[in-house]
N, C-alpha and C. Protein backbone atom coordinates (compact mmCIF):
# COMPACT_ATOMS: atom_id res chain seq x y z
N MET A 1 20.31 -46.05 18.63
CA MET A 1 20.37 -44.71 19.20
C MET A 1 19.78 -44.80 20.60
N PRO A 2 20.53 -44.37 21.59
CA PRO A 2 20.02 -44.46 22.97
C PRO A 2 18.91 -43.45 23.23
N ASN A 3 18.00 -43.84 24.09
CA ASN A 3 16.95 -42.93 24.51
C ASN A 3 17.46 -42.05 25.63
N GLY A 4 17.62 -40.82 25.36
CA GLY A 4 18.09 -39.86 26.35
C GLY A 4 16.96 -38.95 26.75
N LEU A 5 17.21 -37.70 26.61
CA LEU A 5 16.24 -36.68 26.95
C LEU A 5 15.01 -36.76 26.04
N GLY A 6 13.87 -37.02 26.59
CA GLY A 6 12.62 -37.03 25.83
C GLY A 6 12.46 -38.17 24.85
N ASN A 7 13.14 -39.29 25.06
CA ASN A 7 13.06 -40.46 24.17
C ASN A 7 13.36 -40.09 22.72
N PHE A 8 14.39 -39.28 22.51
CA PHE A 8 14.76 -38.85 21.16
C PHE A 8 15.18 -40.02 20.29
N GLY A 9 15.78 -41.05 20.88
CA GLY A 9 16.21 -42.21 20.12
C GLY A 9 15.05 -42.93 19.46
N SER A 10 13.96 -43.12 20.17
CA SER A 10 12.78 -43.78 19.60
C SER A 10 12.14 -42.93 18.51
N LEU A 11 12.15 -41.62 18.71
CA LEU A 11 11.59 -40.73 17.71
C LEU A 11 12.42 -40.78 16.43
N LEU A 12 13.74 -40.79 16.57
CA LEU A 12 14.61 -40.86 15.40
C LEU A 12 14.45 -42.19 14.67
N GLU A 13 14.32 -43.29 15.40
CA GLU A 13 14.14 -44.60 14.77
C GLU A 13 12.83 -44.68 14.00
N THR A 14 11.83 -43.91 14.41
CA THR A 14 10.56 -43.88 13.70
C THR A 14 10.72 -43.26 12.32
N PHE A 15 11.54 -42.23 12.23
CA PHE A 15 11.73 -41.52 10.96
C PHE A 15 12.98 -41.97 10.20
N LEU A 16 13.64 -43.04 10.65
CA LEU A 16 14.88 -43.49 10.04
C LEU A 16 14.77 -43.80 8.55
N PRO A 17 13.71 -44.46 8.08
CA PRO A 17 13.62 -44.68 6.63
C PRO A 17 13.53 -43.38 5.83
N TRP A 18 12.94 -42.34 6.40
CA TRP A 18 12.79 -41.08 5.70
C TRP A 18 14.08 -40.27 5.67
N LEU A 19 15.06 -40.63 6.48
CA LEU A 19 16.34 -39.93 6.44
C LEU A 19 17.09 -40.21 5.15
N GLY A 20 16.70 -41.25 4.43
CA GLY A 20 17.31 -41.56 3.14
C GLY A 20 17.01 -40.50 2.09
N VAL A 21 15.99 -39.69 2.31
CA VAL A 21 15.67 -38.61 1.38
C VAL A 21 16.80 -37.58 1.35
N SER A 22 17.52 -37.44 2.45
CA SER A 22 18.60 -36.46 2.51
C SER A 22 19.86 -36.92 1.78
N VAL A 23 19.98 -38.20 1.47
CA VAL A 23 21.19 -38.72 0.84
C VAL A 23 21.42 -38.10 -0.55
N PRO A 24 20.44 -38.03 -1.45
CA PRO A 24 20.70 -37.39 -2.75
C PRO A 24 21.06 -35.91 -2.62
N ILE A 25 20.45 -35.23 -1.66
CA ILE A 25 20.76 -33.82 -1.45
C ILE A 25 22.22 -33.67 -0.99
N LEU A 26 22.64 -34.52 -0.06
CA LEU A 26 24.02 -34.48 0.41
C LEU A 26 25.00 -34.86 -0.70
N LEU A 27 24.59 -35.77 -1.58
CA LEU A 27 25.45 -36.15 -2.70
C LEU A 27 25.66 -34.98 -3.65
N VAL A 28 24.61 -34.25 -3.95
CA VAL A 28 24.74 -33.07 -4.82
C VAL A 28 25.66 -32.04 -4.17
N LEU A 29 25.50 -31.81 -2.88
CA LEU A 29 26.36 -30.85 -2.18
C LEU A 29 27.82 -31.29 -2.18
N ALA A 30 28.05 -32.58 -2.02
CA ALA A 30 29.41 -33.10 -2.03
C ALA A 30 30.05 -32.95 -3.40
N VAL A 31 29.28 -33.17 -4.45
CA VAL A 31 29.82 -33.03 -5.81
C VAL A 31 30.08 -31.56 -6.12
N LEU A 32 29.18 -30.67 -5.69
CA LEU A 32 29.38 -29.24 -5.93
C LEU A 32 30.62 -28.71 -5.22
N ARG A 33 30.91 -29.25 -4.04
CA ARG A 33 32.11 -28.83 -3.31
C ARG A 33 33.37 -29.52 -3.83
N ARG A 34 33.19 -30.51 -4.69
CA ARG A 34 34.29 -31.29 -5.25
C ARG A 34 35.12 -31.93 -4.15
N SER A 35 34.42 -32.47 -3.18
CA SER A 35 35.08 -33.13 -2.06
C SER A 35 34.97 -34.65 -2.23
N ALA A 36 36.11 -35.28 -2.45
CA ALA A 36 36.11 -36.73 -2.64
C ALA A 36 35.74 -37.45 -1.34
N THR A 37 36.19 -36.93 -0.22
CA THR A 37 35.89 -37.55 1.07
C THR A 37 34.39 -37.50 1.36
N ALA A 38 33.77 -36.36 1.11
CA ALA A 38 32.33 -36.22 1.34
C ALA A 38 31.54 -37.10 0.39
N THR A 39 31.99 -37.20 -0.86
CA THR A 39 31.29 -38.04 -1.83
C THR A 39 31.35 -39.50 -1.43
N VAL A 40 32.52 -39.95 -1.00
CA VAL A 40 32.65 -41.35 -0.55
C VAL A 40 31.79 -41.59 0.68
N ALA A 41 31.75 -40.64 1.61
CA ALA A 41 30.93 -40.80 2.82
C ALA A 41 29.45 -40.87 2.49
N VAL A 42 28.99 -40.04 1.55
CA VAL A 42 27.58 -40.06 1.17
C VAL A 42 27.24 -41.35 0.43
N LEU A 43 28.13 -41.80 -0.46
CA LEU A 43 27.87 -43.05 -1.16
C LEU A 43 27.85 -44.23 -0.20
N PHE A 44 28.74 -44.22 0.78
CA PHE A 44 28.72 -45.26 1.81
C PHE A 44 27.41 -45.24 2.58
N SER A 45 26.93 -44.05 2.92
CA SER A 45 25.64 -43.92 3.61
C SER A 45 24.50 -44.42 2.74
N ALA A 46 24.56 -44.15 1.45
CA ALA A 46 23.51 -44.61 0.54
C ALA A 46 23.48 -46.12 0.44
N VAL A 47 24.66 -46.75 0.40
CA VAL A 47 24.72 -48.21 0.33
C VAL A 47 24.15 -48.82 1.61
N ILE A 48 24.51 -48.28 2.75
CA ILE A 48 23.99 -48.79 4.03
C ILE A 48 22.48 -48.60 4.10
N TRP A 49 21.97 -47.43 3.70
CA TRP A 49 20.53 -47.18 3.76
C TRP A 49 19.79 -48.14 2.83
N CYS A 50 20.34 -48.36 1.63
CA CYS A 50 19.69 -49.28 0.68
C CYS A 50 19.70 -50.71 1.18
N SER A 51 20.76 -51.10 1.87
CA SER A 51 20.79 -52.46 2.40
C SER A 51 19.79 -52.65 3.54
N LEU A 52 19.52 -51.58 4.28
CA LEU A 52 18.56 -51.68 5.38
C LEU A 52 17.12 -51.53 4.92
N PHE A 53 16.85 -50.55 4.05
CA PHE A 53 15.47 -50.20 3.71
C PHE A 53 15.12 -50.38 2.24
N GLY A 54 16.07 -50.76 1.41
CA GLY A 54 15.80 -50.89 -0.02
C GLY A 54 14.78 -51.96 -0.35
N ALA A 55 14.74 -53.02 0.42
CA ALA A 55 13.79 -54.10 0.15
C ALA A 55 12.35 -53.66 0.35
N THR A 56 12.13 -52.67 1.17
CA THR A 56 10.76 -52.19 1.38
C THR A 56 10.24 -51.41 0.19
N LEU A 57 11.15 -50.95 -0.68
CA LEU A 57 10.74 -50.21 -1.87
C LEU A 57 10.43 -51.11 -3.04
N ALA A 58 10.86 -52.35 -3.00
CA ALA A 58 10.64 -53.28 -4.10
C ALA A 58 9.18 -53.71 -4.17
N ASP A 59 8.74 -54.02 -5.36
CA ASP A 59 7.37 -54.48 -5.58
C ASP A 59 7.27 -55.93 -5.12
N LYS A 60 6.38 -56.20 -4.19
CA LYS A 60 6.27 -57.55 -3.62
C LYS A 60 4.99 -58.26 -4.04
N ARG A 61 4.39 -57.82 -5.10
CA ARG A 61 3.16 -58.47 -5.55
C ARG A 61 3.47 -59.84 -6.12
N THR A 62 2.62 -60.79 -5.80
CA THR A 62 2.83 -62.15 -6.28
C THR A 62 1.95 -62.47 -7.47
N GLY A 63 1.14 -61.54 -7.89
CA GLY A 63 0.28 -61.78 -9.03
C GLY A 63 -1.16 -62.04 -8.64
N SER A 64 -1.43 -62.35 -7.41
CA SER A 64 -2.81 -62.57 -6.98
C SER A 64 -3.33 -61.27 -6.38
N ASP A 65 -4.42 -60.79 -6.94
CA ASP A 65 -5.00 -59.53 -6.49
C ASP A 65 -6.25 -59.74 -5.65
N HIS A 66 -6.43 -60.91 -5.10
CA HIS A 66 -7.61 -61.15 -4.29
C HIS A 66 -7.27 -60.94 -2.82
N LEU A 67 -8.25 -60.55 -2.07
CA LEU A 67 -8.11 -60.32 -0.64
C LEU A 67 -8.88 -61.41 0.09
N PRO A 68 -8.19 -62.30 0.77
CA PRO A 68 -8.91 -63.34 1.51
C PRO A 68 -9.58 -62.75 2.75
N VAL A 69 -10.82 -63.14 2.95
CA VAL A 69 -11.59 -62.64 4.08
C VAL A 69 -12.10 -63.84 4.86
N ALA A 70 -11.89 -63.79 6.14
CA ALA A 70 -12.42 -64.85 7.00
C ALA A 70 -13.64 -64.33 7.75
N ALA A 71 -14.67 -65.15 7.80
CA ALA A 71 -15.91 -64.76 8.49
C ALA A 71 -16.22 -65.82 9.54
N ALA A 72 -16.71 -65.36 10.66
CA ALA A 72 -17.08 -66.29 11.73
C ALA A 72 -18.50 -66.80 11.45
N LEU A 73 -18.69 -68.08 11.60
CA LEU A 73 -20.01 -68.69 11.41
C LEU A 73 -20.72 -68.77 12.74
N ARG A 74 -21.98 -68.39 12.73
CA ARG A 74 -22.79 -68.50 13.96
C ARG A 74 -23.65 -69.75 13.86
N LEU A 75 -23.51 -70.57 14.84
CA LEU A 75 -24.31 -71.80 14.84
C LEU A 75 -25.37 -71.76 15.88
């Protein structure tokens, strides 16, 4: 998204992962209108959003719950 008036592009890119919240709402509206074109467009948007941001929702724990801490030694 290009930065135009007021750096709107950077602001939109900041909230881009949160725009996925609107996808289920749009899907419900498309189904209520019984529009096949709108339903396909929303499902396409959902697939693209999941391919971009879906990995951030997955649990990435490796099983180790310790926090390594490094301390500087004074000599």
